[in-house]
Structure formats: structure tokens, C-alpha cells
Amino acid sequence: MTAPVFAASQLAVNVLSAQSLLAAFGVLGVGLVMFAETGLLIGFFLPGDSLLFTAGLLCTGSGQHGVSLSLGPLLLAAALGALAGAQCGYLLGRKAGGALLARSRSVRLHEGAHRAEALLERYGHAKAIVLARFVPVVRTVLNPVAGALGVPARTFTVWQVAGGLVWSLGLTLGGYALGSSIPQVDRYLLPIVALIVAVSLVPLAAELYRSRRAAKTKEARG
């Protein structure tokens, strides 16, 4: 009787909810979601930021419904999933070109692809690959776009690893630190996650501001 109930609970998981994913799949789910969100175009809707932060918080025993995770395995799963996913997306882009995107009818996905191309063109390969990690949807599509546009494999690998580690480990440890310092912090999880997602966009916003300011300065001197 236990097995069918467990199977049913997994089938009923809400893939848009970080808490639901963690309750159903634990650390393994984190690794799989990281891989799917960064390596497969069908994973663009998955809650990467909130999943990492919530998982880190649950390592402190602050979670609801008895969900508790171990920090070491979590960090390993998050990093491996994020790095392997990005590399997989890049390789798919090199082999399939724009065919994968062309088959998709998702407006949001195509908008993300245009933003990814704009990032690569405006900031160069290294900076764009790192910044994309912090932008939902863009971190999904930039990897195959980089492959399709012929970004050198070595350049992509070095910077996707750097950005992937900062993003995955940073958000996870941020959740762990907050959960360790504030009792019953899970009561305020939704507003905290919203804040974390907003903060994760700060690097991109800062770069956009610097870019526009530099462009205006150049025009004024010209």
C-alpha cells in the first residue's frame, strides 16, 4: 500500500513549486532540475533560483512537512546539474543549430533567445555567459545559442563553469545562511524567494546601466 501512495505523490508533484519538487525528489530533484533548466529547452519554465534557495534553507531543518536536506550532497548535486546541463545545451546547439528553437512555439522561449543573442553581442562571450546564469529563461537558451553561434568550446566551458558555480552554490549557501540565522524563516519563504530572484537580476541591471552610460558618454564626445 505504501508504494502506490508514494508513486502517486510523485506523479502529483507541482514542477513550478520549489517546495513540491523538494518534498518529492529531494537532492536528486535539485540536480535534475538544474540539468533540465540549463541544458534542455523544455526546462525553461522550471524554478531554478527559488529551488536552489529553498533547498539551502531546508538544510537547516527550517522546512515544513518534515523535509530536510544535507548541505554537502545538495551543493554537489546543484553544481553538477548546473554545469552538466549548460555543457549539454551548448553541444546540442552546435549540432542542431537553430532547429531546436525553430520548432518551439513558445513566445517566452523565443524572447529569451533574442535576449541571449543580444547579451553575447553586447558584452562579449565571457561576460554574457556569466550574466545569463542570473536571468530566468535566458540561462536556458543562451547555452544552445552560444553553440549555434560558434562560441569557442574552451571559452564557453571556462565561463559557464565560473558562472554556474557562483549561481548554484551562491543561492544555495544564501538560503542556508538565512535559514541558520532566522528561526522559522520558512514562514516568510515566498517574499524572500521573490527578493532573491530580484537580487539575482542586479548584475545584469548594473551591466545594462554601465553600457548605456558608456554609450551616452561616447555620443556626447562624438
C-alpha atoms as a PDB file:
ATOM      1  CA  MET A   1       0.000   0.000   0.000  1.00  0.00           C
ATOM      2  CA  THR A   2       2.915   2.330   0.743  1.00  0.00           C
ATOM      3  CA  ALA A   3       4.471   2.076  -2.730  1.00  0.00           C
ATOM      4  CA  PRO A   4       1.362   3.170  -4.669  1.00  0.00           C
ATOM      5  CA  VAL A   5       0.849   6.103  -2.325  1.00  0.00           C
ATOM      6  CA  PHE A   6       4.479   7.189  -2.758  1.00  0.00           C
ATOM      7  CA  ALA A   7       4.241   6.859  -6.543  1.00  0.00           C
ATOM      8  CA  ALA A   8       1.036   8.878  -6.614  1.00  0.00           C
ATOM      9  CA  SER A   9       2.615  11.657  -4.575  1.00  0.00           C
ATOM     10  CA  GLN A  10       5.487  11.882  -7.051  1.00  0.00           C
ATOM     11  CA  LEU A  11       3.148  11.957 -10.032  1.00  0.00           C
ATOM     12  CA  ALA A  12       1.184  14.755  -8.390  1.00  0.00           C
ATOM     13  CA  VAL A  13       4.268  16.948  -7.877  1.00  0.00           C
ATOM     14  CA  ASN A  14       3.945  20.576  -8.950  1.00  0.00           C
ATOM     15  CA  VAL A  15       7.011  21.241 -11.106  1.00  0.00           C
ATOM     16  CA  LEU A  16       6.545  25.002 -10.723  1.00  0.00           C
ATOM     17  CA  SER A  17       6.816  24.796  -6.938  1.00  0.00           C
ATOM     18  CA  ALA A  18      10.239  24.511  -5.312  1.00  0.00           C
ATOM     19  CA  GLN A  19       8.728  23.065  -2.125  1.00  0.00           C
ATOM     20  CA  SER A  20       6.784  20.428  -4.045  1.00  0.00           C
ATOM     21  CA  LEU A  21       9.829  19.349  -6.054  1.00  0.00           C
ATOM     22  CA  LEU A  22      12.000  19.088  -2.961  1.00  0.00           C
ATOM     23  CA  ALA A  23       9.372  17.171  -0.996  1.00  0.00           C
ATOM     24  CA  ALA A  24       9.001  14.641  -3.824  1.00  0.00           C
ATOM     25  CA  PHE A  25      12.581  14.186  -5.035  1.00  0.00           C
ATOM     26  CA  GLY A  26      14.962  15.770  -2.510  1.00  0.00           C
ATOM     27  CA  VAL A  27      18.595  16.356  -3.515  1.00  0.00           C
ATOM     28  CA  LEU A  28      18.232  14.240  -6.667  1.00  0.00           C
ATOM     29  CA  GLY A  29      15.465  16.552  -7.830  1.00  0.00           C
ATOM     30  CA  VAL A  30      17.724  19.576  -7.465  1.00  0.00           C
ATOM     31  CA  GLY A  31      20.345  18.037  -9.732  1.00  0.00           C
ATOM     32  CA  LEU A  32      17.772  17.001 -12.331  1.00  0.00           C
ATOM     33  CA  VAL A  33      16.047  20.395 -12.368  1.00  0.00           C
ATOM     34  CA  MET A  34      19.389  22.201 -12.695  1.00  0.00           C
ATOM     35  CA  PHE A  35      20.272  19.990 -15.642  1.00  0.00           C
ATOM     36  CA  ALA A  36      16.888  20.396 -17.337  1.00  0.00           C
ATOM     37  CA  GLU A  37      16.664  24.155 -16.819  1.00  0.00           C
ATOM     38  CA  THR A  38      20.155  24.876 -18.131  1.00  0.00           C
ATOM     39  CA  GLY A  39      20.516  22.109 -20.706  1.00  0.00           C
ATOM     40  CA  LEU A  40      17.134  21.352 -22.221  1.00  0.00           C
ATOM     41  CA  LEU A  41      14.895  23.967 -23.832  1.00  0.00           C
ATOM     42  CA  ILE A  42      11.826  22.266 -22.386  1.00  0.00           C
ATOM     43  CA  GLY A  43      13.091  23.170 -18.906  1.00  0.00           C
ATOM     44  CA  PHE A  44      12.899  26.947 -19.334  1.00  0.00           C
ATOM     45  CA  PHE A  45       9.856  27.215 -17.023  1.00  0.00           C
ATOM     46  CA  LEU A  46      11.448  25.415 -14.053  1.00  0.00           C
ATOM     47  CA  PRO A  47      12.041  27.400 -10.823  1.00  0.00           C
ATOM     48  CA  GLY A  48      15.837  27.329 -10.687  1.00  0.00           C
ATOM     49  CA  ASP A  49      16.500  30.330  -8.426  1.00  0.00           C
ATOM     50  CA  SER A  50      13.792  29.569  -5.899  1.00  0.00           C
ATOM     51  CA  LEU A  51      14.640  25.848  -5.887  1.00  0.00           C
ATOM     52  CA  LEU A  52      18.288  26.458  -5.002  1.00  0.00           C
ATOM     53  CA  PHE A  53      17.476  28.981  -2.295  1.00  0.00           C
ATOM     54  CA  THR A  54      14.695  26.885  -0.778  1.00  0.00           C
ATOM     55  CA  ALA A  55      16.872  23.762  -0.832  1.00  0.00           C
ATOM     56  CA  GLY A  56      19.614  25.599   1.035  1.00  0.00           C
ATOM     57  CA  LEU A  57      17.114  26.775   3.614  1.00  0.00           C
ATOM     58  CA  LEU A  58      15.804  23.241   4.149  1.00  0.00           C
ATOM     59  CA  CYS A  59      19.304  22.072   5.041  1.00  0.00           C
ATOM     60  CA  THR A  60      18.901  23.970   8.326  1.00  0.00           C
ATOM     61  CA  GLY A  61      15.806  21.998   9.340  1.00  0.00           C
ATOM     62  CA  SER A  62      13.591  25.057   8.849  1.00  0.00           C
ATOM     63  CA  GLY A  63      11.332  23.461   6.248  1.00  0.00           C
ATOM     64  CA  GLN A  64       7.722  22.473   6.554  1.00  0.00           C
ATOM     65  CA  HIS A  65       6.280  18.936   6.284  1.00  0.00           C
ATOM     66  CA  GLY A  66       9.466  17.389   7.694  1.00  0.00           C
ATOM     67  CA  VAL A  67      11.531  17.984   4.531  1.00  0.00           C
ATOM     68  CA  SER A  68      15.228  18.113   5.426  1.00  0.00           C
ATOM     69  CA  LEU A  69      18.287  18.004   3.164  1.00  0.00           C
ATOM     70  CA  SER A  70      22.037  17.572   3.699  1.00  0.00           C
ATOM     71  CA  LEU A  71      24.168  20.530   2.624  1.00  0.00           C
ATOM     72  CA  GLY A  72      27.142  18.614   1.184  1.00  0.00           C
ATOM     73  CA  PRO A  73      25.192  16.358  -1.216  1.00  0.00           C
ATOM     74  CA  LEU A  74      22.941  19.309  -2.109  1.00  0.00           C
ATOM     75  CA  LEU A  75      25.856  21.540  -3.138  1.00  0.00           C
ATOM     76  CA  LEU A  76      27.326  18.717  -5.208  1.00  0.00           C
ATOM     77  CA  ALA A  77      24.024  17.958  -6.945  1.00  0.00           C
ATOM     78  CA  ALA A  78      23.308  21.638  -7.649  1.00  0.00           C
ATOM     79  CA  ALA A  79      26.761  22.304  -9.105  1.00  0.00           C
ATOM     80  CA  LEU A  80      26.940  19.122 -11.194  1.00  0.00           C
ATOM     81  CA  GLY A  81      23.430  19.606 -12.570  1.00  0.00           C
ATOM     82  CA  ALA A  82      24.034  23.245 -13.482  1.00  0.00           C
ATOM     83  CA  LEU A  83      27.420  22.629 -15.118  1.00  0.00           C
ATOM     84  CA  ALA A  84      26.485  19.435 -16.963  1.00  0.00           C
ATOM     85  CA  GLY A  85      23.228  20.984 -18.158  1.00  0.00           C
ATOM     86  CA  ALA A  86      24.891  24.063 -19.625  1.00  0.00           C
ATOM     87  CA  GLN A  87      27.508  21.975 -21.415  1.00  0.00           C
ATOM     88  CA  CYS A  88      24.793  19.700 -22.804  1.00  0.00           C
ATOM     89  CA  GLY A  89      22.815  22.701 -24.059  1.00  0.00           C
ATOM     90  CA  TYR A  90      25.915  24.074 -25.775  1.00  0.00           C
ATOM     91  CA  LEU A  91      26.630  20.767 -27.518  1.00  0.00           C
ATOM     92  CA  LEU A  92      23.014  20.481 -28.660  1.00  0.00           C
ATOM     93  CA  GLY A  93      23.264  23.992 -30.089  1.00  0.00           C
ATOM     94  CA  ARG A  94      26.423  23.157 -32.015  1.00  0.00           C
ATOM     95  CA  LYS A  95      24.874  20.047 -33.532  1.00  0.00           C
ATOM     96  CA  ALA A  96      21.316  21.185 -34.140  1.00  0.00           C
ATOM     97  CA  GLY A  97      21.907  24.886 -34.731  1.00  0.00           C
ATOM     98  CA  GLY A  98      18.700  26.901 -34.530  1.00  0.00           C
ATOM     99  CA  ALA A  99      16.486  23.949 -35.425  1.00  0.00           C
ATOM    100  CA  LEU A 100      15.520  23.301 -31.800  1.00  0.00           C
ATOM    101  CA  LEU A 101      14.336  26.853 -31.238  1.00  0.00           C
ATOM    102  CA  ALA A 102      12.621  26.980 -34.617  1.00  0.00           C
ATOM    103  CA  ARG A 103      10.405  24.042 -33.640  1.00  0.00           C
ATOM    104  CA  SER A 104       9.236  25.701 -30.437  1.00  0.00           C
ATOM    105  CA  ARG A 105       6.063  27.805 -30.449  1.00  0.00           C
ATOM    106  CA  SER A 106       6.764  29.368 -27.056  1.00  0.00           C
ATOM    107  CA  VAL A 107       6.843  33.169 -27.308  1.00  0.00           C
ATOM    108  CA  ARG A 108       8.687  33.362 -23.994  1.00  0.00           C
ATOM    109  CA  LEU A 109      11.365  30.982 -25.232  1.00  0.00           C
ATOM    110  CA  HIS A 110      11.935  32.966 -28.422  1.00  0.00           C
ATOM    111  CA  GLU A 111      12.119  36.206 -26.460  1.00  0.00           C
ATOM    112  CA  GLY A 112      14.740  34.594 -24.260  1.00  0.00           C
ATOM    113  CA  ALA A 113      16.728  33.571 -27.334  1.00  0.00           C
ATOM    114  CA  HIS A 114      16.740  37.141 -28.637  1.00  0.00           C
ATOM    115  CA  ARG A 115      17.913  38.402 -25.247  1.00  0.00           C
ATOM    116  CA  ALA A 116      20.642  35.762 -25.189  1.00  0.00           C
ATOM    117  CA  GLU A 117      21.910  36.838 -28.614  1.00  0.00           C
ATOM    118  CA  ALA A 118      21.820  40.466 -27.503  1.00  0.00           C
ATOM    119  CA  LEU A 119      23.854  39.634 -24.396  1.00  0.00           C
ATOM    120  CA  LEU A 120      26.504  37.815 -26.434  1.00  0.00           C
ATOM    121  CA  GLU A 121      26.736  40.668 -28.930  1.00  0.00           C
ATOM    122  CA  ARG A 122      26.774  43.485 -26.375  1.00  0.00           C
ATOM    123  CA  TYR A 123      29.004  42.096 -23.636  1.00  0.00           C
ATOM    124  CA  GLY A 124      31.144  39.518 -25.378  1.00  0.00           C
ATOM    125  CA  HIS A 125      31.256  35.811 -24.708  1.00  0.00           C
ATOM    126  CA  ALA A 126      32.727  35.663 -21.201  1.00  0.00           C
ATOM    127  CA  LYS A 127      30.596  38.321 -19.513  1.00  0.00           C
ATOM    128  CA  ALA A 128      27.398  37.269 -21.287  1.00  0.00           C
ATOM    129  CA  ILE A 129      27.772  33.603 -20.296  1.00  0.00           C
ATOM    130  CA  VAL A 130      28.225  34.546 -16.626  1.00  0.00           C
ATOM    131  CA  LEU A 131      25.425  37.136 -16.564  1.00  0.00           C
ATOM    132  CA  ALA A 132      22.962  34.772 -18.264  1.00  0.00           C
ATOM    133  CA  ARG A 133      23.075  32.433 -15.264  1.00  0.00           C
ATOM    134  CA  PHE A 134      21.153  35.007 -13.246  1.00  0.00           C
ATOM    135  CA  VAL A 135      18.358  35.639 -15.760  1.00  0.00           C
ATOM    136  CA  PRO A 136      15.445  33.141 -15.931  1.00  0.00           C
ATOM    137  CA  VAL A 137      14.808  31.692 -19.423  1.00  0.00           C
ATOM    138  CA  VAL A 138      17.984  33.358 -20.762  1.00  0.00           C
ATOM    139  CA  ARG A 139      20.124  30.900 -18.789  1.00  0.00           C
ATOM    140  CA  THR A 140      18.242  28.124 -20.594  1.00  0.00           C
ATOM    141  CA  VAL A 141      18.546  29.389 -24.147  1.00  0.00           C
ATOM    142  CA  LEU A 142      21.941  31.080 -24.084  1.00  0.00           C
ATOM    143  CA  ASN A 143      23.760  27.746 -23.965  1.00  0.00           C
ATOM    144  CA  PRO A 144      22.364  26.326 -27.237  1.00  0.00           C
ATOM    145  CA  VAL A 145      22.503  29.807 -28.790  1.00  0.00           C
ATOM    146  CA  ALA A 146      26.205  30.019 -27.919  1.00  0.00           C
ATOM    147  CA  GLY A 147      26.757  26.647 -29.546  1.00  0.00           C
ATOM    148  CA  ALA A 148      24.811  27.604 -32.651  1.00  0.00           C
ATOM    149  CA  LEU A 149      26.724  30.897 -32.990  1.00  0.00           C
ATOM    150  CA  GLY A 150      30.061  29.121 -32.788  1.00  0.00           C
ATOM    151  CA  VAL A 151      31.330  30.401 -29.455  1.00  0.00           C
ATOM    152  CA  PRO A 152      34.671  28.572 -28.893  1.00  0.00           C
ATOM    153  CA  ALA A 153      34.176  25.470 -26.744  1.00  0.00           C
ATOM    154  CA  ARG A 154      37.028  26.338 -24.393  1.00  0.00           C
ATOM    155  CA  THR A 155      35.739  29.875 -23.809  1.00  0.00           C
ATOM    156  CA  PHE A 156      32.218  28.649 -23.190  1.00  0.00           C
ATOM    157  CA  THR A 157      33.304  25.888 -20.826  1.00  0.00           C
ATOM    158  CA  VAL A 158      35.536  28.103 -18.678  1.00  0.00           C
ATOM    159  CA  TRP A 159      32.939  30.826 -18.215  1.00  0.00           C
ATOM    160  CA  GLN A 160      29.902  28.612 -17.857  1.00  0.00           C
ATOM    161  CA  VAL A 161      31.723  26.761 -15.061  1.00  0.00           C
ATOM    162  CA  ALA A 162      32.615  30.049 -13.353  1.00  0.00           C
ATOM    163  CA  GLY A 163      29.101  31.458 -13.665  1.00  0.00           C
ATOM    164  CA  GLY A 164      27.454  28.147 -12.858  1.00  0.00           C
ATOM    165  CA  LEU A 165      29.358  27.712  -9.607  1.00  0.00           C
ATOM    166  CA  VAL A 166      28.686  31.268  -8.451  1.00  0.00           C
ATOM    167  CA  TRP A 167      24.984  30.952  -9.264  1.00  0.00           C
ATOM    168  CA  SER A 168      24.242  27.447  -7.971  1.00  0.00           C
ATOM    169  CA  LEU A 169      26.443  27.482  -4.872  1.00  0.00           C
ATOM    170  CA  GLY A 170      25.781  31.137  -4.085  1.00  0.00           C
ATOM    171  CA  LEU A 171      21.999  30.823  -3.984  1.00  0.00           C
ATOM    172  CA  THR A 172      22.126  27.526  -2.105  1.00  0.00           C
ATOM    173  CA  LEU A 173      24.501  28.872   0.540  1.00  0.00           C
ATOM    174  CA  GLY A 174      22.450  32.064   0.736  1.00  0.00           C
ATOM    175  CA  GLY A 175      19.376  30.048   1.666  1.00  0.00           C
ATOM    176  CA  TYR A 176      21.390  28.018   4.161  1.00  0.00           C
ATOM    177  CA  ALA A 177      22.835  31.128   5.813  1.00  0.00           C
ATOM    178  CA  LEU A 178      19.437  32.769   6.150  1.00  0.00           C
ATOM    179  CA  GLY A 179      17.806  29.611   7.495  1.00  0.00           C
ATOM    180  CA  SER A 180      20.591  29.253  10.049  1.00  0.00           C
ATOM    181  CA  SER A 181      20.272  32.809  11.329  1.00  0.00           C
ATOM    182  CA  ILE A 182      16.480  33.345  11.440  1.00  0.00           C
ATOM    183  CA  PRO A 183      14.225  30.929  13.392  1.00  0.00           C
ATOM    184  CA  GLN A 184      11.134  29.687  11.487  1.00  0.00           C
ATOM    185  CA  VAL A 185      12.224  31.615   8.401  1.00  0.00           C
ATOM    186  CA  ASP A 186      10.105  29.297   6.221  1.00  0.00           C
ATOM    187  CA  ARG A 187       7.044  31.332   7.234  1.00  0.00           C
ATOM    188  CA  TYR A 188       8.375  34.131   5.072  1.00  0.00           C
ATOM    189  CA  LEU A 189       9.613  31.936   2.240  1.00  0.00           C
ATOM    190  CA  LEU A 190       7.554  33.387  -0.623  1.00  0.00           C
ATOM    191  CA  PRO A 191       8.556  37.058  -0.149  1.00  0.00           C
ATOM    192  CA  ILE A 192      12.156  36.007   0.496  1.00  0.00           C
ATOM    193  CA  VAL A 193      12.300  33.976  -2.715  1.00  0.00           C
ATOM    194  CA  ALA A 194      10.819  36.902  -4.645  1.00  0.00           C
ATOM    195  CA  LEU A 195      13.523  39.134  -3.188  1.00  0.00           C
ATOM    196  CA  ILE A 196      16.258  36.636  -4.082  1.00  0.00           C
ATOM    197  CA  VAL A 197      15.061  36.458  -7.686  1.00  0.00           C
ATOM    198  CA  ALA A 198      15.042  40.267  -7.857  1.00  0.00           C
ATOM    199  CA  VAL A 199      18.542  40.488  -6.365  1.00  0.00           C
ATOM    200  CA  SER A 200      19.804  37.891  -8.833  1.00  0.00           C
ATOM    201  CA  LEU A 201      18.950  40.327 -11.631  1.00  0.00           C
ATOM    202  CA  VAL A 202      21.139  43.080 -10.141  1.00  0.00           C
ATOM    203  CA  PRO A 203      24.336  42.076 -12.040  1.00  0.00           C
ATOM    204  CA  LEU A 204      22.515  42.271 -15.371  1.00  0.00           C
ATOM    205  CA  ALA A 205      20.840  45.572 -14.459  1.00  0.00           C
ATOM    206  CA  ALA A 206      24.197  47.011 -13.412  1.00  0.00           C
ATOM    207  CA  GLU A 207      25.781  45.979 -16.707  1.00  0.00           C
ATOM    208  CA  LEU A 208      22.916  47.471 -18.696  1.00  0.00           C
ATOM    209  CA  TYR A 209      23.292  50.732 -16.782  1.00  0.00           C
ATOM    210  CA  ARG A 210      27.058  50.863 -17.377  1.00  0.00           C
ATOM    211  CA  SER A 211      26.592  50.049 -21.050  1.00  0.00           C
ATOM    212  CA  ARG A 212      24.005  52.776 -21.616  1.00  0.00           C
ATOM    213  CA  ARG A 213      26.061  55.294 -19.653  1.00  0.00           C
ATOM    214  CA  ALA A 214      29.154  54.480 -21.710  1.00  0.00           C
ATOM    215  CA  ALA A 215      27.142  54.782 -24.945  1.00  0.00           C
ATOM    216  CA  LYS A 216      25.809  58.222 -23.919  1.00  0.00           C
ATOM    217  CA  THR A 217      29.310  59.380 -22.985  1.00  0.00           C
ATOM    218  CA  LYS A 218      30.633  58.211 -26.342  1.00  0.00           C
ATOM    219  CA  GLU A 219      27.849  60.039 -28.188  1.00  0.00           C
ATOM    220  CA  ALA A 220      28.485  63.221 -26.216  1.00  0.00           C
ATOM    221  CA  ARG A 221      32.193  63.136 -27.061  1.00  0.00           C
ATOM    222  CA  GLY A 222      31.435  62.331 -30.686  1.00  0.00           C
END
